Amino acid sequence: MFKVDLSENRLVQLDERRFSELKLNEREHLQEWLVKTPEALGEELLIIQKEFDGFEDTRERLDLLALDKEGRVVVIENKLDDSGRDVVWQALKYVAYCSSLKKADIVDIYQKYLDRWFNGENAVPNLCEFLGVEDLDDSVLNAGNDQRLMLVAANFRKEVTSTVLWLIGHGIRAQCFRVAPFGFGQELLIDLQQIIPTPEAADYMIGMADKESEEKSSQRTQTLRDDKRHAFWTKTLDTLRARGVSRYENISPSRKYWLSSPTGVSGCGYNLIFGSKIARVELYLGRTRADENKRIFDQLIQQKQKIEGRFGAELDWQRLDGKKACRICIQHSFDGFNEENWPVMIDWLCLYADKLEEAFSGPLDRLNREMKSTGDTVGTDVNVPS
């Protein structure tokens, strides 16, 4: 690693250090860095446990247990200056142990982690937000043999890299990350790079993984749950159009749990939600920046009494502090996958979708004019509920 010396227009090589000489250890330092910044491993990961030892008939414990955005279990094993000879065998045992974890096991493991380290946050909504689903029943966790393995160390022995390459060639999702500390005056810099697979091999593997994911996605869209959603939205859109609601004229039925239509304010949408246990109508504030969503929410809630008077019922005002988006909604409990309930659900959604637009169209139009007059047009027109 080099520092640029602009005054002399040259590169100055930084001193690579060893973790041992810096008196840094695996558990208190490297592991905690990854817990707090898992994206350093090149993707969004959700850490669900550390020092996990929930294996039957063994006292072994793995360093970090995580989920990726596809719901796959990721075993992360950390070493410092040397990977050692047996790290692959050790990690593969952990992956094998974790392959039997069911969805309920994963929720329980994550809940225990949150109880101990995060004051008892609720695991289920956190998992739903991370996976981008409305209901955890809509997700697949730890499917089949799709578990993944990540090894992190300053140096990898040849027997380790050879074994990992062999595993990759046989369809095991394995990666090696080299982590190296560098001194820069009184500062410590960390270089964390994926070294296996190489970039060329990674491109090939990503292409194969995308093909496999596409095939699995095509299969999933044929499931009863997805087919029912499509049928439900088809009936809902037919009803909306029969009632002359032009907002949904150019929207096609979806296999997702939501339908979205624009409000005229960038990044803010009217959403209809079809859940397995509820139906919901909402104004979803999903602009790019969290502060913009909070500001719009705060301006709208000042008109709460007037808006709810026009709406004809109380609304649930969810500022969602700590999250990017905000939501203002009303919902009702239904057994969504019982088709006998669909006529009542559809009537309810159509009624309150119309009421919601009537209640918010004026305030949103005024806000939109104000933002345009001040040049505040930053946002996105993609309104995906989380």
Protein backbone atom coordinates (compact mmCIF):
# COMPACT_ATOMS: atom_id res chain seq x y z
CA MET A 1 0.00 0.00 0.00
CA PHE A 2 1.28 3.45 -0.89
CA LYS A 3 0.67 7.01 0.22
CA VAL A 4 0.72 9.75 -2.41
CA ASP A 5 3.19 12.54 -1.62
CA LEU A 6 1.81 15.37 -3.76
CA SER A 7 4.53 17.80 -2.76
CA GLU A 8 7.17 15.57 -4.38
CA ASN A 9 4.79 13.86 -6.82
CA ARG A 10 5.75 10.35 -5.76
CA LEU A 11 4.49 7.31 -3.92
CA VAL A 12 5.66 6.49 -0.42
CA GLN A 13 5.37 2.85 0.57
CA LEU A 14 3.61 2.24 3.88
CA ASP A 15 4.97 -0.27 6.34
CA GLU A 16 3.04 -3.52 6.45
CA ARG A 17 2.69 -4.67 10.04
CA ARG A 18 1.80 -7.88 11.81
CA PHE A 19 -1.18 -8.17 14.09
CA SER A 20 0.98 -9.83 16.74
CA GLU A 21 3.45 -6.94 16.93
CA LEU A 22 0.54 -4.51 17.17
CA LYS A 23 -0.85 -6.60 20.05
CA LEU A 24 -4.17 -6.99 18.24
CA ASN A 25 -6.09 -10.21 18.63
CA GLU A 26 -8.68 -12.07 16.62
CA ARG A 27 -11.70 -11.90 18.92
CA GLU A 28 -11.45 -8.38 20.36
CA HIS A 29 -10.26 -6.63 17.22
CA LEU A 30 -10.63 -8.31 13.80
CA GLN A 31 -13.89 -10.01 14.73
CA GLU A 32 -15.42 -6.81 16.15
CA TRP A 33 -14.36 -4.81 13.09
CA LEU A 34 -16.31 -7.21 10.89
CA VAL A 35 -19.30 -7.26 13.25
CA LYS A 36 -19.55 -3.47 13.05
CA THR A 37 -18.68 -3.21 9.34
CA PRO A 38 -19.64 -6.47 7.59
CA GLU A 39 -19.80 -4.66 4.24
CA ALA A 40 -15.97 -4.66 4.37
CA LEU A 41 -16.36 -8.18 2.96
CA GLY A 42 -17.74 -6.73 -0.26
CA GLU A 43 -21.50 -7.15 0.16
CA GLU A 44 -24.42 -6.60 2.51
CA LEU A 45 -24.37 -9.17 5.28
CA LEU A 46 -26.46 -9.44 8.43
CA ILE A 47 -24.47 -10.74 11.40
CA ILE A 48 -26.81 -12.99 13.40
CA GLN A 49 -24.39 -14.37 16.00
CA LYS A 50 -20.77 -14.30 17.09
CA GLU A 51 -18.86 -17.05 18.88
CA PHE A 52 -21.70 -19.37 17.96
CA ASP A 53 -21.52 -22.70 19.79
CA GLY A 54 -25.03 -24.05 19.35
CA PHE A 55 -23.91 -27.40 17.94
CA GLU A 56 -24.99 -30.68 19.45
CA ASP A 57 -22.35 -33.01 20.94
CA THR A 58 -19.46 -30.59 20.41
CA ARG A 59 -18.03 -27.57 22.19
CA GLU A 60 -16.68 -26.05 18.99
CA ARG A 61 -17.64 -22.49 18.14
CA LEU A 62 -17.45 -20.54 14.91
CA ASP A 63 -16.37 -16.90 14.80
CA LEU A 64 -19.25 -15.19 12.98
CA LEU A 65 -22.55 -16.44 11.61
CA ALA A 66 -24.30 -14.25 9.02
CA LEU A 67 -26.99 -14.18 6.35
CA ASP A 68 -26.60 -12.78 2.85
CA LYS A 69 -29.37 -10.97 0.95
CA GLU A 70 -30.60 -14.26 -0.54
CA GLY A 71 -31.12 -15.77 2.91
CA ARG A 72 -28.07 -18.04 2.68
CA VAL A 73 -26.13 -18.83 5.85
CA VAL A 74 -22.57 -17.49 5.78
CA VAL A 75 -19.88 -18.91 8.08
CA ILE A 76 -17.03 -16.43 8.62
CA GLU A 77 -13.80 -17.71 10.13
CA ASN A 78 -11.06 -15.25 11.10
CA LYS A 79 -7.37 -15.84 11.61
CA LEU A 80 -4.71 -13.19 12.09
CA ASP A 81 -1.17 -13.42 10.75
CA ASP A 82 -1.43 -17.02 9.52
CA SER A 83 -4.40 -19.03 8.32
CA GLY A 84 -3.01 -22.27 9.73
CA ARG A 85 -3.29 -25.63 7.98
CA ASP A 86 -6.65 -26.75 9.30
CA VAL A 87 -8.82 -23.69 8.89
CA VAL A 88 -10.70 -25.09 5.87
CA TRP A 89 -11.50 -28.37 7.60
CA GLN A 90 -12.59 -26.48 10.71
CA ALA A 91 -14.80 -24.10 8.74
CA LEU A 92 -16.32 -26.90 6.64
CA LYS A 93 -17.38 -28.65 9.83
CA TYR A 94 -19.17 -25.49 10.90
CA VAL A 95 -20.85 -25.15 7.51
CA ALA A 96 -22.00 -28.77 7.75
CA TYR A 97 -23.36 -28.17 11.25
CA CYS A 98 -25.21 -25.07 10.07
CA SER A 99 -26.71 -26.79 7.02
CA SER A 100 -29.44 -28.28 9.22
CA LEU A 101 -30.57 -24.96 10.70
CA LYS A 102 -34.25 -24.29 10.06
CA LYS A 103 -35.89 -20.88 9.75
CA ALA A 104 -37.09 -21.03 13.36
CA ASP A 105 -33.54 -21.91 14.49
CA ILE A 106 -32.10 -18.91 12.65
CA VAL A 107 -34.69 -16.55 14.14
CA ASP A 108 -33.91 -17.92 17.60
CA ILE A 109 -30.13 -17.60 17.12
CA TYR A 110 -30.50 -14.02 15.90
CA GLN A 111 -32.91 -13.11 18.69
CA LYS A 112 -30.42 -14.35 21.31
CA TYR A 113 -27.74 -12.22 19.63
CA LEU A 114 -29.99 -9.14 19.73
CA ASP A 115 -30.99 -9.83 23.34
CA ARG A 116 -27.36 -9.94 24.42
CA TRP A 117 -25.81 -7.20 22.32
CA PHE A 118 -28.62 -4.89 21.13
CA ASN A 119 -31.03 -4.50 24.06
CA GLY A 120 -33.50 -7.04 22.79
CA GLU A 121 -34.48 -5.68 19.36
CA ASN A 122 -37.03 -7.85 17.60
CA ALA A 123 -35.38 -10.32 15.23
CA VAL A 124 -38.32 -10.87 12.87
CA PRO A 125 -38.81 -7.27 11.56
CA ASN A 126 -35.03 -6.86 11.30
CA LEU A 127 -34.83 -9.99 9.17
CA CYS A 128 -37.77 -8.86 7.02
CA GLU A 129 -36.17 -5.47 6.41
CA PHE A 130 -32.79 -7.01 5.54
CA LEU A 131 -34.32 -9.58 3.18
CA GLY A 132 -36.78 -7.09 1.66
CA VAL A 133 -39.93 -9.05 2.48
CA GLU A 134 -43.20 -8.04 4.12
CA ASP A 135 -43.64 -11.30 6.00
CA LEU A 136 -40.92 -13.75 7.01
CA ASP A 137 -43.11 -16.51 5.58
CA ASP A 138 -42.30 -15.00 2.18
CA SER A 139 -38.59 -15.77 2.59
CA VAL A 140 -36.50 -18.91 2.29
CA LEU A 141 -33.66 -19.16 4.80
CA ASN A 142 -30.74 -21.58 4.57
CA ALA A 143 -32.14 -23.47 1.61
CA GLY A 144 -30.62 -26.80 0.60
CA ASN A 145 -26.84 -26.86 0.44
CA ASP A 146 -26.38 -23.18 -0.41
CA GLN A 147 -24.37 -22.35 2.71
CA ARG A 148 -21.35 -20.13 2.18
CA LEU A 149 -17.86 -19.93 3.65
CA MET A 150 -15.62 -16.89 4.12
CA LEU A 151 -12.05 -17.14 5.43
CA VAL A 152 -10.22 -14.02 6.60
CA ALA A 153 -6.48 -13.95 7.39
CA ALA A 154 -3.31 -11.96 6.76
CA ASN A 155 -1.64 -14.88 5.01
CA PHE A 156 -3.00 -18.12 3.56
CA ARG A 157 -0.98 -21.31 3.35
CA LYS A 158 -0.80 -23.09 0.02
CA GLU A 159 -2.71 -26.11 1.32
CA VAL A 160 -5.55 -23.76 2.29
CA THR A 161 -5.76 -21.89 -1.01
CA SER A 162 -5.53 -25.12 -3.01
CA THR A 163 -8.36 -26.66 -1.02
CA VAL A 164 -10.56 -23.58 -1.36
CA LEU A 165 -10.04 -23.50 -5.14
CA TRP A 166 -10.97 -27.19 -5.28
CA LEU A 167 -14.13 -26.53 -3.26
CA ILE A 168 -15.10 -23.67 -5.56
CA GLY A 169 -14.67 -25.94 -8.56
CA HIS A 170 -17.14 -28.33 -6.96
CA GLY A 171 -19.81 -25.70 -6.40
CA ILE A 172 -19.03 -24.74 -2.78
CA ARG A 173 -19.40 -21.00 -2.24
CA ALA A 174 -16.06 -20.23 -0.61
CA GLN A 175 -13.99 -17.05 -0.49
CA CYS A 176 -10.64 -15.99 0.98
CA PHE A 177 -10.00 -12.42 2.13
CA ARG A 178 -6.52 -11.16 2.89
CA VAL A 179 -6.48 -8.60 5.71
CA ALA A 180 -3.26 -6.64 6.19
CA PRO A 181 -2.49 -3.84 8.70
CA PHE A 182 -0.35 -0.89 7.60
CA GLY A 183 1.25 1.82 9.69
CA PHE A 184 0.81 5.47 8.70
CA GLY A 185 2.35 7.65 11.38
CA GLN A 186 0.22 7.11 14.47
CA GLU A 187 -2.64 5.75 12.39
CA LEU A 188 -3.45 2.16 11.55
CA LEU A 189 -4.82 1.32 8.11
CA ILE A 190 -6.39 -1.98 7.11
CA ASP A 191 -6.36 -3.40 3.60
CA LEU A 192 -9.04 -6.07 3.16
CA GLN A 193 -9.11 -7.70 -0.26
CA GLN A 194 -10.76 -10.80 -1.72
CA ILE A 195 -7.98 -12.93 -3.16
CA ILE A 196 -9.90 -16.13 -3.92
CA PRO A 197 -11.59 -16.41 -6.29
CA THR A 198 -9.54 -14.08 -8.47
CA PRO A 199 -11.44 -11.31 -10.29
CA GLU A 200 -11.45 -13.34 -13.51
CA ALA A 201 -12.78 -16.42 -11.75
CA ALA A 202 -15.25 -14.29 -9.80
CA ASP A 203 -16.78 -12.98 -13.04
CA TYR A 204 -17.29 -16.54 -14.24
CA MET A 205 -18.73 -17.67 -10.91
CA ILE A 206 -21.07 -14.70 -10.70
CA GLY A 207 -22.34 -15.52 -14.18
CA MET A 208 -22.99 -19.12 -13.16
CA ALA A 209 -24.56 -18.04 -9.88
CA ASP A 210 -26.82 -15.58 -11.71
CA LYS A 211 -27.92 -18.34 -14.07
CA GLU A 212 -28.67 -20.62 -11.14
CA SER A 213 -30.49 -17.82 -9.31
CA GLU A 214 -32.57 -17.06 -12.41
CA GLU A 215 -33.55 -20.70 -12.74
CA LYS A 216 -34.52 -20.85 -9.08
CA SER A 217 -36.43 -17.61 -9.39
CA SER A 218 -38.34 -18.98 -12.38
CA GLN A 219 -39.26 -22.02 -10.34
CA ARG A 220 -40.34 -19.93 -7.35
CA THR A 221 -42.66 -17.81 -9.48
CA GLN A 222 -44.63 -20.98 -10.19
CA THR A 223 -45.33 -21.66 -6.52
CA LEU A 224 -48.84 -21.49 -5.22
CA ARG A 225 -48.09 -18.40 -3.13
CA ASP A 226 -46.83 -16.39 -6.10
CA ASP A 227 -49.61 -17.57 -8.35
CA LYS A 228 -52.17 -16.54 -5.74
CA ARG A 229 -50.67 -13.07 -5.47
CA HIS A 230 -50.86 -12.66 -9.22
CA ALA A 231 -54.48 -13.80 -9.24
CA PHE A 232 -55.34 -11.50 -6.34
CA TRP A 233 -53.80 -8.42 -7.95
CA THR A 234 -55.51 -9.25 -11.25
CA LYS A 235 -58.90 -9.18 -9.52
CA THR A 236 -57.97 -6.05 -7.55
CA LEU A 237 -56.90 -4.13 -10.65
CA ASP A 238 -60.03 -5.21 -12.49
CA THR A 239 -62.12 -3.84 -9.61
CA LEU A 240 -60.18 -0.57 -9.45
CA ARG A 241 -60.57 -0.01 -13.19
CA ALA A 242 -64.27 -0.88 -13.05
CA ARG A 243 -64.64 1.83 -10.41
CA GLY A 244 -62.89 4.34 -12.66
CA VAL A 245 -59.68 4.65 -10.64
CA SER A 246 -57.31 5.84 -13.38
CA ARG A 247 -54.20 5.71 -11.18
CA TYR A 248 -53.86 1.96 -11.77
CA GLU A 249 -54.75 1.84 -15.47
CA ASN A 250 -51.20 1.15 -16.66
CA ILE A 251 -50.13 -1.09 -13.79
CA SER A 252 -49.85 -4.83 -14.38
CA PRO A 253 -50.67 -7.51 -11.80
CA SER A 254 -47.62 -8.53 -9.80
CA ARG A 255 -46.38 -11.64 -8.05
CA LYS A 256 -45.01 -9.43 -5.26
CA TYR A 257 -46.88 -8.53 -2.11
CA TRP A 258 -47.36 -4.89 -3.11
CA LEU A 259 -48.67 -2.68 -5.89
CA SER A 260 -47.36 0.86 -6.07
CA SER A 261 -48.57 3.98 -7.83
CA PRO A 262 -46.95 7.45 -7.90
CA THR A 263 -48.14 10.41 -5.88
CA GLY A 264 -46.50 13.13 -7.97
CA VAL A 265 -43.81 13.63 -5.32
CA SER A 266 -40.59 11.95 -6.34
CA GLY A 267 -39.87 8.88 -4.24
CA CYS A 268 -43.29 8.84 -2.53
CA GLY A 269 -45.91 6.29 -3.53
CA TYR A 270 -49.33 4.96 -2.69
CA ASN A 271 -48.93 1.25 -1.97
CA LEU A 272 -51.45 -1.57 -1.71
CA ILE A 273 -50.17 -4.44 0.42
CA PHE A 274 -51.39 -8.04 0.23
CA GLY A 275 -49.99 -10.04 3.14
CA SER A 276 -50.74 -13.54 4.27
CA LYS A 277 -52.40 -12.14 7.40
CA ILE A 278 -53.18 -8.50 6.59
CA ALA A 279 -54.14 -6.03 3.90
CA ARG A 280 -52.71 -2.53 4.07
CA VAL A 281 -53.03 0.79 2.26
CA GLU A 282 -50.15 3.19 2.77
CA LEU A 283 -48.41 6.36 1.76
CA TYR A 284 -44.77 5.29 1.57
CA LEU A 285 -42.05 7.94 1.75
CA GLY A 286 -39.06 6.25 0.14
CA ARG A 287 -36.83 8.99 -1.22
CA THR A 288 -33.11 8.42 -1.55
CA ARG A 289 -32.19 10.35 1.59
CA ALA A 290 -33.60 9.59 5.03
CA ASP A 291 -33.61 13.24 6.12
CA GLU A 292 -35.90 14.14 3.20
CA ASN A 293 -38.38 11.43 4.17
CA LYS A 294 -38.38 12.53 7.81
CA ARG A 295 -38.86 16.17 6.79
CA ILE A 296 -41.85 15.34 4.56
CA PHE A 297 -43.31 13.14 7.30
CA ASP A 298 -42.91 15.89 9.91
CA GLN A 299 -44.64 18.41 7.65
CA LEU A 300 -47.53 16.02 6.99
CA ILE A 301 -48.04 15.04 10.62
CA GLN A 302 -48.55 18.70 11.49
CA GLN A 303 -51.74 18.38 9.42
CA LYS A 304 -52.70 15.07 11.06
CA GLN A 305 -56.10 16.14 12.36
CA LYS A 306 -57.16 17.67 9.06
CA ILE A 307 -55.87 14.73 6.99
CA GLU A 308 -57.53 12.13 9.18
CA GLY A 309 -60.74 14.13 9.14
CA ARG A 310 -60.75 13.97 5.36
CA PHE A 311 -59.74 10.31 5.43
CA GLY A 312 -62.52 9.43 7.86
CA ALA A 313 -60.47 7.28 10.24
CA GLU A 314 -57.29 7.27 12.32
CA LEU A 315 -54.08 6.47 10.47
CA ASP A 316 -50.94 4.78 11.75
CA TRP A 317 -48.14 7.37 11.46
CA GLN A 318 -44.84 5.48 11.36
CA ARG A 319 -41.82 7.80 11.27
CA LEU A 320 -39.57 4.71 11.47
CA ASP A 321 -36.67 6.46 13.20
CA GLY A 322 -33.44 4.63 12.48
CA LYS A 323 -34.68 3.58 9.04
CA LYS A 324 -34.59 5.48 5.76
CA ALA A 325 -38.27 5.40 4.84
CA CYS A 326 -41.49 6.53 6.56
CA ARG A 327 -44.98 5.10 6.32
CA ILE A 328 -48.51 6.39 6.94
CA CYS A 329 -51.04 3.60 6.71
CA ILE A 330 -54.15 1.74 7.73
CA GLN A 331 -54.38 -2.04 7.79
CA HIS A 332 -56.87 -4.81 8.52
CA SER A 333 -56.43 -8.45 9.45
CA PHE A 334 -57.37 -10.98 6.77
CA ASP A 335 -56.47 -14.56 5.95
CA GLY A 336 -54.98 -13.44 2.66
CA PHE A 337 -54.44 -16.83 1.08
CA ASN A 338 -58.01 -17.95 1.63
CA GLU A 339 -59.62 -16.96 -1.66
CA GLU A 340 -63.05 -16.79 -0.02
CA ASN A 341 -61.85 -13.62 1.71
CA TRP A 342 -60.69 -11.92 -1.48
CA PRO A 343 -63.91 -10.04 -2.36
CA VAL A 344 -63.98 -8.41 1.08
CA MET A 345 -60.22 -7.68 0.98
CA ILE A 346 -60.45 -6.14 -2.46
CA ASP A 347 -63.42 -3.96 -1.46
CA TRP A 348 -61.48 -2.82 1.61
CA LEU A 349 -58.33 -2.01 -0.38
CA CYS A 350 -60.22 -0.13 -3.08
CA LEU A 351 -62.21 1.88 -0.54
CA TYR A 352 -59.23 2.99 1.50
CA ALA A 353 -56.91 3.48 -1.47
CA ASP A 354 -59.39 6.07 -2.77
CA LYS A 355 -59.74 7.66 0.67
CA LEU A 356 -55.96 7.82 1.15
CA GLU A 357 -55.41 9.58 -2.17
CA GLU A 358 -58.22 12.03 -1.40
CA ALA A 359 -56.76 12.80 2.03
CA PHE A 360 -53.16 13.31 0.90
CA SER A 361 -53.37 14.65 -2.65
CA GLY A 362 -53.74 18.28 -1.53
CA PRO A 363 -50.95 18.30 1.10
CA LEU A 364 -48.60 16.40 -1.24
CA ASP A 365 -49.30 18.77 -4.14
CA ARG A 366 -48.45 21.74 -1.92
CA LEU A 367 -45.27 20.06 -0.69
CA ASN A 368 -44.27 19.21 -4.24
CA ARG A 369 -44.70 22.82 -5.38
CA GLU A 370 -42.66 24.05 -2.43
CA MET A 371 -39.83 21.59 -3.13
CA LYS A 372 -39.74 22.47 -6.81
CA SER A 373 -39.68 26.19 -6.03
CA THR A 374 -36.61 25.65 -3.81
CA GLY A 375 -34.94 23.26 -6.26
CA ASP A 376 -35.41 20.31 -3.89
CA THR A 377 -35.99 17.56 -6.45
CA VAL A 378 -33.60 14.90 -5.18
CA GLY A 379 -35.27 11.50 -4.91
CA THR A 380 -36.23 8.31 -6.65
CA ASP A 381 -39.46 7.15 -8.18
CA VAL A 382 -38.99 3.58 -6.98
CA ASN A 383 -41.33 3.03 -4.02
CA VAL A 384 -40.62 -0.45 -2.67
CA PRO A 385 -41.96 -1.04 0.86
CA SER A 386 -39.59 -2.59 3.35
